[in-house]
Amino acid sequence: MTTAPQDPGAYGAMARSWLQQNLTGNLRTDRLHQTPATLDELKAFEAAMYRAGLAGITWPKAYGGHGLTLREHLDANREIGLAPVPNAVNSIGKELAGPIIQAVGTEAQKLDYLPKILNMENVWCQGFSEPGAGSDLAALRTRAERTGDGWVVNGQKIWTSGASKSQRCLLLARTGVKEDRHKGLVLFAVPMDSPGLEVREIRSIDGHSHFCEVFFNDVVVDEANMLGAPDEGWSAATRVLSIERASNRMYRSWRFESELDQLVAACRSDARAFAILQGHARDLAEIRVEIELLKGHVETLVEALLAGEQIGPRGSLPKLYWSESHQKFARIAAEIVSRFPTDAGQPLLDVKARMEAIYLASRAETIYAGTTEIQLDIIAKRILNLKKAA
């Protein structure tokens, strides 16, 4: 593992240089005409990013991290966003499971789980959403009952990203009755090869199987795999989720910018495509402004966290704003590329394929990590202190 420079400017420059040297060939998301990278290639690249200092940046060194601050994390994420880096295979592990383990895990769990997340030995999925209890986690019904040496879990999860490719599931289950809502919820780190655990892939509109159903039929979970106390599941999950919405995937704003830049640059290579682009000049100018606002909002939240402030419900703001703005851009981009000439050159064909993929993926962006409606409800109640209508 390399020792990264401490100066934030130098850290960003280091990240940019490493990506320029190592992000090549079919790993690049702006060259979709090439054979896609395999899962093993993507995992190897992600492990290499960690060794180079581009993942686990703020995690303690004792658990495999680099022991730096959110400022270095932000600087690296700017460069990751601006480069055509593939989506992370282990984003749940690094952005959700890892912070929760650091917050409520035992020392033995931290020493075991955390390094394996960073070096890609264990890919994680998130077992939160259920049929009939998607964004309303307090309505979940998957049950965990104590046995002599652990727990037995029964229930179903849905929309579980990457479950068929994961080694661990961050599972939220209920120990009490459903009417308890936020009480009696427990978190587990469940091995995906546990007897009685079944995964079924769900094919999405883009032809891929990003999401899965996960069934738990008398799945035995050892006491050592419980994260926190039996009644601490809700508080641990929501506390970390607020920080996750504010500080994780910081690269999104800069990736958004790079997508727009690629679209404009490709259209400039063909007069006919550029004429189509100019028909949407006002819309794209508004999106450019929204991107700058998003970037500024992320940077402001980082400074607040560095100053020791509690983010709380403010974490909902960037998630809401980014998902809505990016979905709007995806619609406009898809409309533009749908009108490209049939004899378009490779730059236009590449951007057409990328924008179409972005459009299809964007349909879920206002749903996952808390729907737009949930974020608006949090903002209304906990930031604006609005009362329910009579």
Protein backbone atom coordinates (compact mmCIF):
# COMPACT_ATOMS: atom_id res chain seq x y z
CA MET A 1 0.00 0.00 0.00
CA THR A 2 1.44 3.35 -1.03
CA THR A 3 1.84 6.33 1.25
CA ALA A 4 0.00 9.21 -0.34
CA PRO A 5 1.07 12.86 -0.08
CA GLN A 6 -0.64 14.87 2.64
CA ASP A 7 -1.27 18.12 0.76
CA PRO A 8 -4.82 18.08 -0.69
CA GLY A 9 -3.67 19.57 -4.01
CA ALA A 10 -0.90 17.03 -4.30
CA TYR A 11 -3.33 14.25 -3.41
CA GLY A 12 -5.61 15.15 -6.28
CA ALA A 13 -2.64 15.37 -8.64
CA MET A 14 -1.48 11.94 -7.49
CA ALA A 15 -4.93 10.49 -8.13
CA ARG A 16 -5.10 12.07 -11.59
CA SER A 17 -1.68 10.75 -12.54
CA TRP A 18 -2.45 7.22 -11.36
CA LEU A 19 -5.74 7.10 -13.23
CA GLN A 20 -4.13 8.36 -16.43
CA GLN A 21 -1.60 5.54 -16.24
CA ASN A 22 -3.86 2.71 -15.10
CA LEU A 23 -7.34 3.40 -16.46
CA THR A 24 -6.92 1.86 -19.88
CA GLY A 25 -8.65 -0.26 -22.52
CA ASN A 26 -12.00 -1.83 -21.71
CA LEU A 27 -11.97 -0.46 -18.16
CA ARG A 28 -12.86 2.98 -19.56
CA THR A 29 -16.57 3.78 -19.61
CA ASP A 30 -16.17 6.12 -22.60
CA ARG A 31 -15.20 3.27 -24.96
CA LEU A 32 -18.28 1.09 -24.94
CA HIS A 33 -17.51 -0.35 -28.39
CA GLN A 34 -14.82 -2.49 -26.75
CA THR A 35 -15.45 -5.83 -25.05
CA PRO A 36 -16.70 -4.99 -21.53
CA ALA A 37 -14.36 -5.66 -18.62
CA THR A 38 -15.05 -8.90 -16.76
CA LEU A 39 -16.02 -9.00 -13.09
CA ASP A 40 -12.52 -10.25 -12.20
CA GLU A 41 -10.94 -7.37 -14.14
CA LEU A 42 -13.16 -4.83 -12.40
CA LYS A 43 -12.37 -6.27 -8.97
CA ALA A 44 -8.64 -6.28 -9.71
CA PHE A 45 -8.80 -2.63 -10.81
CA GLU A 46 -10.75 -1.69 -7.68
CA ALA A 47 -8.18 -3.43 -5.48
CA ALA A 48 -5.42 -1.58 -7.32
CA MET A 49 -7.20 1.73 -6.70
CA TYR A 50 -7.17 0.94 -2.98
CA ARG A 51 -3.46 0.08 -2.99
CA ALA A 52 -2.78 3.37 -4.79
CA GLY A 53 -4.59 5.34 -2.09
CA LEU A 54 -7.88 5.97 -3.89
CA ALA A 55 -10.13 3.95 -1.56
CA GLY A 56 -10.30 3.61 2.22
CA ILE A 57 -8.83 7.11 2.35
CA THR A 58 -10.38 8.12 5.68
CA TRP A 59 -10.44 4.66 7.27
CA PRO A 60 -8.03 4.09 10.18
CA LYS A 61 -4.69 2.54 9.27
CA ALA A 62 -5.25 -0.15 11.89
CA TYR A 63 -8.04 -1.54 9.72
CA GLY A 64 -6.30 -1.26 6.37
CA GLY A 65 -7.21 2.36 5.58
CA HIS A 66 -4.96 5.29 4.74
CA GLY A 67 -5.83 7.37 7.83
CA LEU A 68 -6.38 10.66 6.00
CA THR A 69 -9.24 13.18 6.05
CA LEU A 70 -12.37 13.91 4.07
CA ARG A 71 -10.45 16.64 2.26
CA GLU A 72 -8.16 14.07 0.64
CA HIS A 73 -11.21 11.88 0.05
CA LEU A 74 -12.87 14.77 -1.80
CA ASP A 75 -9.75 15.56 -3.84
CA ALA A 76 -9.45 11.95 -4.97
CA ASN A 77 -13.17 11.74 -5.74
CA ARG A 78 -12.98 14.80 -7.99
CA GLU A 79 -10.45 12.99 -10.15
CA ILE A 80 -12.35 9.69 -10.03
CA GLY A 81 -15.47 11.51 -11.21
CA LEU A 82 -13.74 13.38 -14.03
CA ALA A 83 -12.14 10.18 -15.35
CA PRO A 84 -14.18 7.43 -17.11
CA VAL A 85 -13.85 5.09 -14.12
CA PRO A 86 -16.21 2.06 -14.01
CA ASN A 87 -18.79 1.85 -11.25
CA ALA A 88 -17.42 0.24 -8.12
CA VAL A 89 -18.18 -3.44 -7.56
CA ASN A 90 -17.92 -3.07 -3.78
CA SER A 91 -19.61 0.29 -3.24
CA ILE A 92 -21.94 -1.15 -0.56
CA GLY A 93 -18.97 -2.54 1.33
CA LYS A 94 -16.97 0.69 1.22
CA GLU A 95 -19.78 3.22 1.54
CA LEU A 96 -22.27 1.56 3.88
CA ALA A 97 -21.06 -1.65 5.54
CA GLY A 98 -17.61 -0.25 6.31
CA PRO A 99 -18.82 2.91 8.09
CA ILE A 100 -21.42 0.93 10.05
CA ILE A 101 -18.81 -1.62 11.15
CA GLN A 102 -16.53 1.21 12.24
CA ALA A 103 -19.40 2.76 14.21
CA VAL A 104 -20.83 -0.28 16.03
CA GLY A 105 -18.59 -3.28 15.29
CA THR A 106 -16.37 -5.01 17.79
CA GLU A 107 -12.60 -4.71 17.52
CA ALA A 108 -12.43 -8.27 16.21
CA GLN A 109 -15.04 -7.47 13.54
CA LYS A 110 -13.20 -4.34 12.45
CA LEU A 111 -9.91 -6.20 12.12
CA ASP A 112 -11.58 -9.02 10.18
CA TYR A 113 -14.16 -7.32 7.95
CA LEU A 114 -12.66 -3.95 7.03
CA PRO A 115 -9.39 -4.95 5.31
CA LYS A 116 -11.27 -7.60 3.31
CA ILE A 117 -13.65 -4.93 2.00
CA LEU A 118 -10.82 -2.73 0.78
CA ASN A 119 -8.74 -5.46 -0.83
CA MET A 120 -11.86 -6.88 -2.54
CA GLU A 121 -11.68 -10.21 -0.75
CA ASN A 122 -15.28 -9.70 0.39
CA VAL A 123 -17.86 -7.89 -1.74
CA TRP A 124 -20.94 -6.79 0.21
CA CYS A 125 -24.61 -6.30 -0.61
CA GLN A 126 -27.28 -4.50 1.42
CA GLY A 127 -30.28 -6.45 2.72
CA PHE A 128 -32.60 -3.60 3.69
CA SER A 129 -35.52 -3.20 1.22
CA GLU A 130 -38.38 -5.69 1.24
CA PRO A 131 -41.55 -6.26 -0.77
CA GLY A 132 -44.03 -3.79 0.70
CA ALA A 133 -41.32 -2.02 2.74
CA GLY A 134 -38.97 -0.42 0.24
CA SER A 135 -38.10 3.05 1.49
CA ASP A 136 -40.02 2.53 4.74
CA LEU A 137 -37.40 0.45 6.51
CA ALA A 138 -39.36 0.58 9.75
CA ALA A 139 -42.01 -1.64 8.11
CA LEU A 140 -39.64 -4.53 7.36
CA ARG A 141 -40.74 -8.02 8.37
CA THR A 142 -37.67 -10.26 8.00
CA ARG A 143 -37.31 -11.87 11.43
CA ALA A 144 -34.32 -12.91 13.49
CA GLU A 145 -34.95 -15.21 16.45
CA ARG A 146 -32.40 -16.20 19.05
CA THR A 147 -31.15 -19.76 19.31
CA GLY A 148 -28.64 -21.27 21.70
CA ASP A 149 -25.57 -20.04 19.81
CA GLY A 150 -26.85 -17.30 17.54
CA TRP A 151 -29.88 -16.39 15.44
CA VAL A 152 -32.22 -17.94 12.87
CA VAL A 153 -33.37 -15.59 10.10
CA ASN A 154 -36.46 -15.93 7.92
CA GLY A 155 -37.77 -13.47 5.35
CA GLN A 156 -37.19 -11.86 1.98
CA LYS A 157 -35.24 -8.89 0.66
CA ILE A 158 -35.59 -7.28 -2.77
CA TRP A 159 -33.70 -4.82 -4.98
CA THR A 160 -30.50 -6.06 -3.37
CA SER A 161 -27.75 -4.68 -5.60
CA GLY A 162 -25.03 -7.17 -6.54
CA ALA A 163 -26.23 -9.96 -4.24
CA SER A 164 -25.30 -12.67 -6.76
CA LYS A 165 -21.69 -11.41 -6.76
CA SER A 166 -21.30 -10.82 -3.02
CA GLN A 167 -19.69 -12.71 -0.16
CA ARG A 168 -21.45 -10.83 2.67
CA CYS A 169 -24.87 -9.26 3.20
CA LEU A 170 -25.42 -6.31 5.53
CA LEU A 171 -28.78 -7.52 6.80
CA LEU A 172 -31.34 -5.54 8.77
CA ALA A 173 -33.84 -7.84 10.52
CA ARG A 174 -36.54 -7.57 13.16
CA THR A 175 -36.39 -9.18 16.58
CA GLY A 176 -39.72 -7.77 17.83
CA VAL A 177 -43.14 -7.31 16.26
CA LYS A 178 -43.74 -5.18 13.17
CA GLU A 179 -45.72 -2.65 15.20
CA ASP A 180 -42.54 -1.77 17.10
CA ARG A 181 -41.37 0.10 13.98
CA HIS A 182 -37.91 1.41 14.94
CA LYS A 183 -37.43 -0.85 17.94
CA GLY A 184 -36.14 -4.39 17.88
CA LEU A 185 -34.09 -4.12 14.70
CA VAL A 186 -30.72 -5.83 14.44
CA LEU A 187 -27.87 -5.71 11.92
CA PHE A 188 -25.92 -8.77 10.76
CA ALA A 189 -22.98 -9.53 8.51
CA VAL A 190 -24.37 -12.66 6.86
CA PRO A 191 -22.15 -14.93 4.72
CA MET A 192 -23.82 -15.32 1.33
CA ASP A 193 -22.98 -19.03 1.19
CA SER A 194 -25.07 -19.72 4.33
CA PRO A 195 -27.38 -22.76 4.04
CA GLY A 196 -30.98 -21.65 3.40
CA LEU A 197 -29.98 -18.38 1.69
CA GLU A 198 -31.20 -18.15 -1.92
CA VAL A 199 -30.46 -15.40 -4.47
CA ARG A 200 -32.53 -14.76 -7.59
CA GLU A 201 -31.38 -12.15 -10.11
CA ILE A 202 -33.79 -9.53 -11.47
CA ARG A 203 -33.23 -8.48 -15.09
CA SER A 204 -33.42 -4.69 -15.53
CA ILE A 205 -34.49 -2.67 -18.58
CA ASP A 206 -30.85 -2.34 -19.65
CA GLY A 207 -30.54 -6.12 -19.98
CA HIS A 208 -28.32 -6.50 -16.91
CA SER A 209 -29.06 -8.08 -13.55
CA HIS A 210 -27.94 -5.39 -11.12
CA PHE A 211 -30.63 -6.23 -8.56
CA CYS A 212 -31.65 -9.45 -6.85
CA GLU A 213 -34.22 -11.01 -4.59
CA VAL A 214 -32.70 -12.68 -1.52
CA PHE A 215 -34.61 -15.31 0.48
CA PHE A 216 -33.73 -16.38 4.03
CA ASN A 217 -35.13 -19.77 4.98
CA ASP A 218 -34.01 -20.76 8.49
CA VAL A 219 -30.61 -19.18 7.90
CA VAL A 220 -28.39 -19.58 10.96
CA VAL A 221 -26.28 -16.52 11.80
CA ASP A 222 -23.56 -16.78 14.45
CA GLU A 223 -23.57 -14.33 17.34
CA ALA A 224 -20.13 -13.17 16.14
CA ASN A 225 -21.76 -11.83 12.97
CA MET A 226 -24.17 -9.50 14.79
CA LEU A 227 -23.20 -5.84 14.34
CA GLY A 228 -23.93 -3.80 17.45
CA ALA A 229 -26.62 -4.59 20.02
CA PRO A 230 -29.90 -6.40 19.18
CA ASP A 231 -31.89 -3.14 19.43
CA GLU A 232 -29.28 -0.92 17.76
CA GLY A 233 -29.99 -1.73 14.12
CA TRP A 234 -32.17 1.25 13.32
CA SER A 235 -30.02 3.89 15.00
CA ALA A 236 -26.81 2.51 13.48
CA ALA A 237 -28.24 2.30 9.97
CA THR A 238 -29.87 5.74 9.97
CA ARG A 239 -26.91 7.47 11.61
CA VAL A 240 -24.51 6.19 8.99
CA LEU A 241 -27.00 6.67 6.14
CA SER A 242 -27.15 10.42 6.82
CA ILE A 243 -23.36 10.65 6.56
CA GLU A 244 -23.33 8.30 3.56
CA ARG A 245 -25.76 10.48 1.61
CA ALA A 246 -23.57 13.51 2.32
CA SER A 247 -20.04 12.17 1.99
CA ASN A 248 -20.03 8.98 -0.10
CA ARG A 249 -19.95 8.88 -3.88
CA MET A 250 -18.68 12.44 -3.91
CA TYR A 251 -17.46 11.73 -7.42
CA ARG A 252 -21.03 11.87 -8.73
CA SER A 253 -21.06 15.64 -9.30
CA TRP A 254 -17.80 15.50 -11.23
CA ARG A 255 -18.85 12.39 -13.16
CA PHE A 256 -22.02 14.26 -14.08
CA GLU A 257 -19.78 17.05 -15.40
CA SER A 258 -17.61 14.62 -17.38
CA GLU A 259 -20.69 13.03 -18.98
CA LEU A 260 -21.90 16.41 -20.16
CA ASP A 261 -18.41 17.31 -21.40
CA GLN A 262 -18.16 14.05 -23.36
CA LEU A 263 -21.54 14.65 -24.99
CA VAL A 264 -20.60 18.19 -26.05
CA ALA A 265 -17.13 17.19 -27.28
CA ALA A 266 -18.48 14.31 -29.36
CA CYS A 267 -21.15 16.51 -30.94
CA ARG A 268 -18.51 19.10 -31.86
CA SER A 269 -16.82 16.43 -34.00
CA ASP A 270 -19.79 16.32 -36.39
CA ALA A 271 -21.61 19.41 -37.71
CA ARG A 272 -24.93 17.56 -37.95
CA ALA A 273 -24.72 16.36 -34.34
CA PHE A 274 -23.66 19.81 -33.18
CA ALA A 275 -26.76 21.30 -34.77
CA ILE A 276 -28.88 18.84 -32.76
CA LEU A 277 -26.99 19.78 -29.60
CA GLN A 278 -27.57 23.49 -30.18
CA GLY A 279 -31.30 22.86 -30.15
CA HIS A 280 -30.93 21.96 -26.47
CA ALA A 281 -28.44 24.72 -25.58
CA ARG A 282 -30.65 26.34 -22.94
CA ASP A 283 -31.44 23.05 -21.20
CA LEU A 284 -27.77 22.06 -21.16
CA ALA A 285 -26.73 25.48 -19.84
CA GLU A 286 -29.18 25.04 -16.95
CA ILE A 287 -27.72 21.61 -16.25
CA ARG A 288 -24.22 23.10 -16.23
CA VAL A 289 -25.36 25.54 -13.54
CA GLU A 290 -26.94 22.70 -11.53
CA ILE A 291 -23.68 20.75 -11.69
CA GLU A 292 -21.77 23.70 -10.26
CA LEU A 293 -24.33 24.02 -7.46
CA LEU A 294 -24.02 20.31 -6.70
CA LYS A 295 -20.24 20.52 -6.55
CA GLY A 296 -20.43 23.50 -4.24
CA HIS A 297 -22.93 21.74 -1.98
CA VAL A 298 -20.69 18.67 -1.66
CA GLU A 299 -17.67 20.84 -0.84
CA THR A 300 -19.67 22.76 1.78
CA LEU A 301 -20.77 19.54 3.48
CA VAL A 302 -17.17 18.29 3.56
CA GLU A 303 -16.04 21.48 5.29
CA ALA A 304 -18.89 21.10 7.79
CA LEU A 305 -17.90 17.52 8.58
CA LEU A 306 -14.25 18.53 8.95
CA ALA A 307 -15.38 21.22 11.41
CA GLY A 308 -17.06 18.54 13.50
CA GLU A 309 -20.64 19.44 12.62
CA GLN A 310 -23.42 16.88 12.62
CA ILE A 311 -24.87 16.49 9.11
CA GLY A 312 -28.11 14.76 10.07
CA PRO A 313 -30.97 15.40 7.62
CA ARG A 314 -28.79 17.66 5.45
CA GLY A 315 -27.46 14.45 3.92
CA SER A 316 -30.74 14.17 2.03
CA LEU A 317 -30.12 17.37 0.06
CA PRO A 318 -27.33 16.22 -2.28
CA LYS A 319 -29.00 12.86 -2.88
CA LEU A 320 -32.31 14.50 -3.83
CA TYR A 321 -30.77 17.24 -5.95
CA TRP A 322 -28.28 15.02 -7.75
CA SER A 323 -30.77 12.28 -8.64
CA GLU A 324 -33.37 14.71 -10.00
CA SER A 325 -30.84 16.77 -11.99
CA HIS A 326 -29.01 13.76 -13.37
CA GLN A 327 -32.26 12.11 -14.42
CA LYS A 328 -33.21 15.28 -16.31
CA PHE A 329 -29.82 15.34 -18.05
CA ALA A 330 -30.17 11.68 -18.99
CA ARG A 331 -33.51 12.35 -20.70
CA ILE A 332 -32.08 15.24 -22.72
CA ALA A 333 -28.91 13.32 -23.64
CA ALA A 334 -30.93 10.31 -24.77
CA GLU A 335 -33.07 12.54 -26.97
CA ILE A 336 -29.98 14.15 -28.54
CA VAL A 337 -28.17 10.90 -29.35
CA SER A 338 -31.37 9.29 -30.69
CA ARG A 339 -31.19 11.80 -33.56
CA PHE A 340 -27.55 11.19 -34.48
CA PRO A 341 -26.95 10.48 -38.19
CA THR A 342 -26.82 6.81 -39.16
CA ASP A 343 -23.33 7.19 -40.64
CA ALA A 344 -21.89 8.66 -37.44
CA GLY A 345 -18.21 8.11 -36.63
CA GLN A 346 -16.82 6.28 -33.62
CA PRO A 347 -16.83 9.29 -31.21
CA LEU A 348 -20.57 9.69 -31.77
CA LEU A 349 -21.22 5.96 -31.55
CA ASP A 350 -19.32 5.78 -28.24
CA VAL A 351 -21.18 8.71 -26.71
CA LYS A 352 -24.50 7.38 -28.03
CA ALA A 353 -23.91 4.03 -26.29
CA ARG A 354 -22.83 5.71 -23.06
CA MET A 355 -25.76 8.16 -22.95
CA GLU A 356 -28.25 5.39 -23.64
CA ALA A 357 -26.76 3.34 -20.79
CA ILE A 358 -26.87 6.39 -18.50
CA TYR A 359 -30.50 7.01 -19.38
CA LEU A 360 -31.57 3.45 -18.56
CA ALA A 361 -29.61 3.41 -15.28
CA SER A 362 -30.96 6.84 -14.29
CA ARG A 363 -34.53 5.57 -14.06
CA ALA A 364 -33.66 4.04 -10.66
CA GLU A 365 -31.73 7.02 -9.29
CA THR A 366 -34.76 8.68 -7.72
CA ILE A 367 -35.63 5.38 -6.02
CA TYR A 368 -32.51 3.80 -4.54
CA ALA A 369 -30.81 5.11 -1.37
CA GLY A 370 -34.17 6.59 -0.38
CA THR A 371 -36.80 7.73 -2.89
CA THR A 372 -37.34 11.36 -3.84
CA GLU A 373 -40.53 11.30 -1.77
CA ILE A 374 -38.66 10.05 1.31
CA GLN A 375 -35.94 12.73 0.90
CA LEU A 376 -38.59 15.45 0.53
CA ASP A 377 -40.33 14.18 3.64
CA ILE A 378 -37.06 14.28 5.62
CA ILE A 379 -36.29 17.80 4.38
CA ALA A 380 -39.82 19.04 5.12
CA LYS A 381 -40.01 17.60 8.63
CA ARG A 382 -36.44 17.76 9.89
CA ILE A 383 -34.94 20.78 8.12
CA LEU A 384 -37.92 23.07 7.41
CA ASN A 385 -39.90 21.89 10.48
CA LEU A 386 -43.11 21.81 8.47
CA LYS A 387 -46.21 20.36 10.09
CA LYS A 388 -48.55 17.84 8.53
CA ALA A 389 -51.53 19.34 6.76
CA ALA A 390 -54.70 19.21 8.80
